[in-house]
Amino acid sequence: MERVLPIQKLLGRSQRLPWLISGLTLVILAGAILLTTQATRGRIREQIVGRDGEILHAVALMHLSKAEEEGELIGAPEDPGNQLNVVLEVSRLKGVLGVRLFDVRGKFVDAFPGYVLDAKLDPADLRPLSNLHPVSRFRPALPLDQAFLPETNRPTALATAEPVLEVNVPLHLKTEGPLIGIAQFIIKGDSIVQEFARLDQHLLRQAMTAFVAGGFLLAAALLWSFRRLSRAHRLLAERTEHLVQANKELALAAKTSAVGAVTSHLIHGLRNPLAGLQNFVSGLGSNNATGDTNVEVQEAIASTR
């Protein structure tokens, strides 16, 4: 009995539980999808940014090797003039705003066109470049006065700030080195911005589709499970109510049986004394010398009978 009431209270409170758990599950699902989407977005963006570096690296290696094989180099390949000529050939690709040339220690050597400002190579980029790996950095809004001379000395087609892709390419003759210089290509980043926008739209659609489909399936499964659980709860509540009623009836039957036993015992205990008392009173009436039985004796005889 004492354990039945807490169960009934728990069953009453469980009506809000499906909605709470469903909401919490959807929040967790949304968080998981968001984290996964952000991680995927970051990896794909790195691939997009690094793609031009791989292409320029391969083109520069091809031009430098071809120039050496055909004897177009004047002097050693380590000569900055030869390297700049090769870099200028590569810079004819669409979207290249300018190039810088650094030595193997990352020290600035030369730049083209003339309005390209001197710069320092990031020390963090020197190690992968020394291992012959290109390094690309995308700057969404680079103030062009940090890369080029004032407008009077550069094309007016450039705005004050533009998205720019900086691609650092290691220069070497063979596939495995050694490093003879570093070329930095300054490329317009409009195409990168557009690819990022398309990527974000695609990932957003995928995330929304995954959330709607996954959320619908999870919510349907949870509601179906809780419906079955609610049905089991109702059955348990009905059986609990029947058990309480049976316990009450059993307790009442036990009390009635006890009262009946006590009554039977009392009647059995009073029967013999009352029979003796009846005989005694009747004897009083028959022993009366006058033969007249008074009213009190008659009432006593009736009561004992």
Protein backbone atom coordinates (compact mmCIF):
# COMPACT_ATOMS: atom_id res chain seq x y z
CA MET A 1 0.00 0.00 0.00
CA GLU A 2 2.74 2.49 0.94
CA ARG A 3 4.61 1.76 -2.30
CA VAL A 4 1.58 2.18 -4.54
CA LEU A 5 1.08 5.91 -4.02
CA PRO A 6 4.63 6.96 -5.17
CA ILE A 7 4.14 4.87 -8.32
CA GLN A 8 0.85 6.63 -9.06
CA LYS A 9 2.50 10.04 -8.59
CA LEU A 10 5.35 9.03 -10.90
CA LEU A 11 2.91 7.89 -13.57
CA GLY A 12 1.14 11.22 -13.36
CA ARG A 13 4.34 13.19 -13.86
CA SER A 14 5.52 11.00 -16.75
CA GLN A 15 3.04 12.61 -19.16
CA ARG A 16 5.45 15.51 -19.77
CA LEU A 17 8.50 13.28 -20.01
CA PRO A 18 8.13 12.33 -23.73
CA TRP A 19 8.13 15.96 -24.83
CA LEU A 20 11.09 16.86 -22.64
CA ILE A 21 13.17 13.93 -23.87
CA SER A 22 12.16 14.52 -27.50
CA GLY A 23 13.14 18.18 -27.25
CA LEU A 24 16.45 17.33 -25.60
CA THR A 25 17.17 14.71 -28.26
CA LEU A 26 16.50 17.20 -31.06
CA VAL A 27 18.81 19.75 -29.42
CA ILE A 28 21.59 17.15 -29.16
CA LEU A 29 21.00 16.13 -32.78
CA ALA A 30 21.17 19.75 -33.93
CA GLY A 31 24.41 20.27 -31.97
CA ALA A 32 25.99 17.14 -33.43
CA ILE A 33 25.01 18.14 -36.97
CA LEU A 34 26.32 21.67 -36.40
CA LEU A 35 29.69 20.46 -35.10
CA THR A 36 30.04 17.95 -37.94
CA THR A 37 29.09 20.56 -40.52
CA GLN A 38 31.59 23.07 -39.12
CA ALA A 39 34.38 20.48 -39.14
CA THR A 40 33.54 19.44 -42.71
CA ARG A 41 33.33 23.09 -43.76
CA GLY A 42 36.77 23.81 -42.34
CA ARG A 43 38.38 20.81 -44.06
CA ILE A 44 36.81 21.60 -47.45
CA ARG A 45 37.81 25.25 -47.16
CA GLU A 46 41.40 24.20 -46.51
CA GLN A 47 41.27 22.01 -49.60
CA ILE A 48 39.85 24.87 -51.70
CA VAL A 49 42.51 27.28 -50.48
CA GLY A 50 45.33 24.74 -50.91
CA ARG A 51 44.22 23.68 -54.39
CA ASP A 52 45.81 26.68 -56.14
CA GLY A 53 49.01 26.09 -54.21
CA GLU A 54 49.29 22.53 -55.53
CA ILE A 55 48.61 23.71 -59.09
CA LEU A 56 51.11 26.60 -58.97
CA HIS A 57 53.70 24.35 -57.35
CA ALA A 58 53.42 21.82 -60.17
CA VAL A 59 53.48 24.54 -62.86
CA ALA A 60 56.52 26.26 -61.31
CA LEU A 61 58.40 22.96 -61.05
CA MET A 62 57.57 22.19 -64.70
CA HIS A 63 58.69 25.62 -65.95
CA LEU A 64 61.90 25.58 -63.90
CA SER A 65 62.87 22.08 -65.03
CA LYS A 66 62.02 22.90 -68.64
CA ALA A 67 64.08 26.11 -68.56
CA GLU A 68 67.10 24.23 -67.20
CA GLU A 69 66.79 21.41 -69.73
CA GLU A 70 66.49 23.80 -72.68
CA GLY A 71 69.35 26.01 -71.49
CA GLU A 72 67.19 29.09 -71.02
CA LEU A 73 68.71 29.86 -67.61
CA ILE A 74 71.63 32.31 -67.53
CA GLY A 75 73.80 31.05 -64.73
CA ALA A 76 72.78 28.78 -61.87
CA PRO A 77 69.12 28.01 -61.06
CA GLU A 78 69.72 29.53 -57.61
CA ASP A 79 70.19 32.95 -59.25
CA PRO A 80 67.22 35.19 -58.24
CA GLY A 81 67.01 36.56 -61.77
CA ASN A 82 66.43 33.10 -63.25
CA GLN A 83 63.88 32.29 -60.57
CA LEU A 84 62.03 35.56 -61.15
CA ASN A 85 61.79 34.87 -64.89
CA VAL A 86 60.26 31.45 -64.18
CA VAL A 87 57.88 32.94 -61.62
CA LEU A 88 56.79 35.60 -64.13
CA GLU A 89 55.95 32.85 -66.60
CA VAL A 90 53.81 31.17 -63.99
CA SER A 91 52.19 34.50 -62.96
CA ARG A 92 50.54 34.80 -66.36
CA LEU A 93 47.76 32.65 -64.96
CA LYS A 94 44.46 34.47 -64.60
CA GLY A 95 43.91 36.47 -61.43
CA VAL A 96 47.56 36.90 -60.31
CA LEU A 97 48.02 40.47 -59.01
CA GLY A 98 51.72 40.24 -58.23
CA VAL A 99 54.58 38.00 -57.11
CA ARG A 100 57.30 38.15 -54.50
CA LEU A 101 60.53 36.18 -54.41
CA PHE A 102 62.23 35.00 -51.20
CA ASP A 103 65.44 33.08 -50.60
CA VAL A 104 65.64 29.73 -48.79
CA ARG A 105 65.77 31.51 -45.40
CA GLY A 106 62.58 33.45 -46.14
CA LYS A 107 64.32 36.79 -46.77
CA PHE A 108 62.69 39.09 -49.33
CA VAL A 109 64.61 39.25 -52.65
CA ASP A 110 62.48 40.86 -55.37
CA ALA A 111 58.88 41.55 -56.46
CA PHE A 112 56.89 42.15 -59.63
CA PRO A 113 55.23 44.45 -60.73
CA GLY A 114 57.04 47.39 -59.28
CA TYR A 115 54.11 48.56 -57.16
CA VAL A 116 54.21 45.35 -55.07
CA LEU A 117 55.53 46.22 -51.60
CA ASP A 118 58.29 44.33 -49.82
CA ALA A 119 57.10 41.83 -47.23
CA LYS A 120 58.30 39.29 -44.71
CA LEU A 121 57.61 35.61 -45.01
CA ASP A 122 55.78 34.14 -42.03
CA PRO A 123 58.30 32.03 -40.06
CA ALA A 124 55.58 29.41 -39.48
CA ASP A 125 55.40 28.86 -43.26
CA LEU A 126 59.14 28.33 -43.69
CA ARG A 127 59.21 24.78 -42.31
CA PRO A 128 56.59 23.24 -44.65
CA LEU A 129 58.13 25.18 -47.54
CA SER A 130 61.54 23.74 -46.66
CA ASN A 131 59.90 20.31 -46.92
CA LEU A 132 58.69 21.30 -50.43
CA HIS A 133 55.04 21.74 -49.45
CA PRO A 134 53.20 24.84 -50.73
CA VAL A 135 51.41 27.02 -48.18
CA SER A 136 48.26 29.02 -49.02
CA ARG A 137 46.57 31.69 -46.92
CA PHE A 138 43.23 33.29 -47.75
CA ARG A 139 42.57 36.84 -46.57
CA PRO A 140 38.87 37.78 -46.95
CA ALA A 141 39.49 41.54 -46.94
CA LEU A 142 43.14 42.51 -47.29
CA PRO A 143 43.79 46.29 -47.28
CA LEU A 144 45.67 46.68 -50.53
CA ASP A 145 47.87 49.41 -49.14
CA GLN A 146 49.55 46.64 -47.16
CA ALA A 147 50.53 44.84 -50.37
CA PHE A 148 50.77 47.53 -53.03
CA LEU A 149 51.97 51.10 -53.36
CA PRO A 150 49.40 53.97 -53.40
CA GLU A 151 46.83 54.15 -56.18
CA THR A 152 48.91 56.54 -58.24
CA ASN A 153 51.44 53.78 -58.85
CA ARG A 154 49.09 50.83 -59.39
CA PRO A 155 46.04 50.04 -61.53
CA THR A 156 42.91 51.88 -60.43
CA ALA A 157 40.88 48.71 -60.99
CA LEU A 158 41.85 47.53 -57.53
CA ALA A 159 39.63 48.56 -54.62
CA THR A 160 40.88 49.63 -51.21
CA ALA A 161 40.35 46.11 -49.81
CA GLU A 162 39.80 42.87 -51.65
CA PRO A 163 39.75 39.15 -50.93
CA VAL A 164 43.27 37.91 -51.63
CA LEU A 165 44.84 34.47 -51.77
CA GLU A 166 48.54 34.31 -50.92
CA VAL A 167 50.19 31.19 -52.29
CA ASN A 168 53.76 30.40 -51.22
CA VAL A 169 55.41 27.93 -53.58
CA PRO A 170 58.78 26.22 -52.99
CA LEU A 171 61.13 26.42 -55.97
CA HIS A 172 63.27 23.37 -56.74
CA LEU A 173 64.45 21.50 -59.81
CA LYS A 174 63.68 17.91 -58.89
CA THR A 175 60.69 16.41 -57.16
CA GLU A 176 62.66 15.83 -53.95
CA GLY A 177 64.53 19.14 -53.87
CA PRO A 178 66.73 20.77 -52.78
CA LEU A 179 64.95 24.09 -52.12
CA ILE A 180 66.47 26.97 -54.08
CA GLY A 181 63.92 29.71 -53.42
CA ILE A 182 60.34 30.61 -52.53
CA ALA A 183 57.78 32.37 -54.71
CA GLN A 184 54.72 34.11 -53.30
CA PHE A 185 51.79 34.66 -55.65
CA ILE A 186 49.20 37.31 -54.75
CA ILE A 187 45.95 36.18 -56.39
CA LYS A 188 42.50 37.77 -56.47
CA GLY A 189 40.24 35.82 -54.13
CA ASP A 190 36.85 36.51 -55.71
CA SER A 191 36.56 32.94 -56.98
CA ILE A 192 37.42 31.64 -53.49
CA VAL A 193 34.67 33.80 -51.98
CA GLN A 194 32.17 32.44 -54.49
CA GLU A 195 33.23 28.85 -53.83
CA PHE A 196 32.94 29.43 -50.09
CA ALA A 197 29.42 30.82 -50.57
CA ARG A 198 28.39 27.82 -52.68
CA LEU A 199 29.95 25.48 -50.14
CA ASP A 200 28.08 27.13 -47.25
CA GLN A 201 24.76 26.89 -49.12
CA HIS A 202 25.36 23.24 -49.96
CA LEU A 203 26.34 22.37 -46.38
CA LEU A 204 23.36 24.31 -45.03
CA ARG A 205 20.97 22.35 -47.23
CA GLN A 206 22.61 19.09 -46.21
CA ALA A 207 22.48 20.00 -42.52
CA MET A 208 18.82 21.04 -42.71
CA THR A 209 17.93 17.86 -44.60
CA ALA A 210 19.79 15.71 -42.09
CA PHE A 211 18.17 17.52 -39.15
CA VAL A 212 14.64 17.31 -40.55
CA ALA A 213 14.95 13.67 -41.62
CA GLY A 214 16.86 12.56 -38.53
CA GLY A 215 14.68 14.61 -36.19
CA PHE A 216 11.51 13.21 -37.72
CA LEU A 217 12.74 9.62 -37.40
CA LEU A 218 13.99 10.13 -33.85
CA ALA A 219 10.83 11.95 -32.76
CA ALA A 220 8.63 9.28 -34.34
CA ALA A 221 10.62 6.48 -32.69
CA LEU A 222 10.59 8.23 -29.30
CA LEU A 223 6.88 9.03 -29.43
CA TRP A 224 6.09 5.45 -30.48
CA SER A 225 8.22 4.12 -27.63
CA PHE A 226 6.66 6.47 -25.11
CA ARG A 227 3.19 5.58 -26.36
CA ARG A 228 3.91 1.93 -25.65
CA LEU A 229 5.40 2.91 -22.32
CA SER A 230 2.36 5.05 -21.52
CA ARG A 231 0.11 2.11 -22.35
CA ALA A 232 2.15 -0.06 -20.00
CA HIS A 233 1.89 2.67 -17.36
CA ARG A 234 -1.87 2.82 -17.70
CA LEU A 235 -2.08 -0.97 -17.41
CA LEU A 236 0.14 -0.82 -14.36
CA ALA A 237 -2.04 1.93 -12.88
CA GLU A 238 -5.19 -0.14 -13.45
CA ARG A 239 -3.61 -3.19 -11.88
CA THR A 240 -2.38 -1.05 -9.02
CA GLU A 241 -5.90 0.28 -8.46
CA HIS A 242 -7.30 -3.25 -8.55
CA LEU A 243 -4.63 -4.31 -6.08
CA VAL A 244 -5.55 -1.45 -3.74
CA GLN A 245 -9.25 -2.37 -3.96
CA ALA A 246 -8.45 -6.04 -3.36
CA ASN A 247 -6.34 -5.11 -0.34
CA LYS A 248 -9.23 -3.05 1.04
CA GLU A 249 -11.69 -5.89 0.51
CA LEU A 250 -9.27 -8.37 2.05
CA ALA A 251 -8.78 -6.14 5.07
CA LEU A 252 -12.56 -5.71 5.45
CA ALA A 253 -13.09 -9.49 5.12
CA ALA A 254 -10.41 -10.08 7.74
CA LYS A 255 -12.06 -7.62 10.12
CA THR A 256 -15.50 -9.15 9.51
CA SER A 257 -14.16 -12.63 10.12
CA ALA A 258 -12.52 -11.51 13.34
CA VAL A 259 -15.75 -9.88 14.54
CA GLY A 260 -17.69 -13.04 13.67
CA ALA A 261 -15.24 -15.22 15.57
CA VAL A 262 -15.38 -12.98 18.61
CA THR A 263 -19.20 -12.90 18.48
CA SER A 264 -19.42 -16.67 18.16
CA HIS A 265 -17.07 -17.09 21.08
CA LEU A 266 -19.06 -14.66 23.21
CA ILE A 267 -22.39 -16.34 22.36
CA HIS A 268 -20.95 -19.73 23.14
CA GLY A 269 -19.61 -18.41 26.43
CA LEU A 270 -22.95 -16.82 27.42
CA ARG A 271 -25.21 -19.71 26.46
CA ASN A 272 -24.61 -21.97 29.52
CA PRO A 273 -24.81 -19.21 32.15
CA LEU A 274 -28.01 -17.87 30.57
CA ALA A 275 -29.54 -21.38 30.53
CA GLY A 276 -28.72 -21.77 34.22
CA LEU A 277 -30.11 -18.35 34.96
CA GLN A 278 -33.29 -19.24 33.06
CA ASN A 279 -33.74 -22.44 35.08
CA PHE A 280 -33.12 -20.53 38.29
CA VAL A 281 -35.70 -17.84 37.49
CA SER A 282 -38.21 -20.46 36.37
CA GLY A 283 -37.64 -22.29 39.65
CA LEU A 284 -38.39 -19.15 41.57
CA GLY A 285 -41.71 -18.86 39.83
CA SER A 286 -42.69 -22.50 40.46
CA ASN A 287 -41.70 -22.43 44.13
CA ASN A 288 -44.00 -19.53 44.91
CA ALA A 289 -46.38 -20.76 47.67
CA THR A 290 -49.27 -18.65 46.60
CA GLY A 291 -48.98 -19.74 43.02
CA ASP A 292 -48.95 -16.13 41.88
CA THR A 293 -45.95 -15.08 39.85
CA ASN A 294 -45.17 -11.40 40.11
CA VAL A 295 -44.44 -9.21 37.13
CA GLU A 296 -40.66 -8.96 37.77
CA VAL A 297 -40.25 -12.72 37.78
CA GLN A 298 -42.20 -13.07 34.54
CA GLU A 299 -40.03 -10.42 32.84
CA ALA A 300 -36.88 -12.17 34.10
CA ILE A 301 -38.11 -15.48 32.72
CA ALA A 302 -38.88 -13.85 29.31
CA SER A 303 -35.50 -12.07 29.21
CA THR A 304 -33.50 -15.20 30.02
CA ARG A 305 -35.50 -17.17 27.45
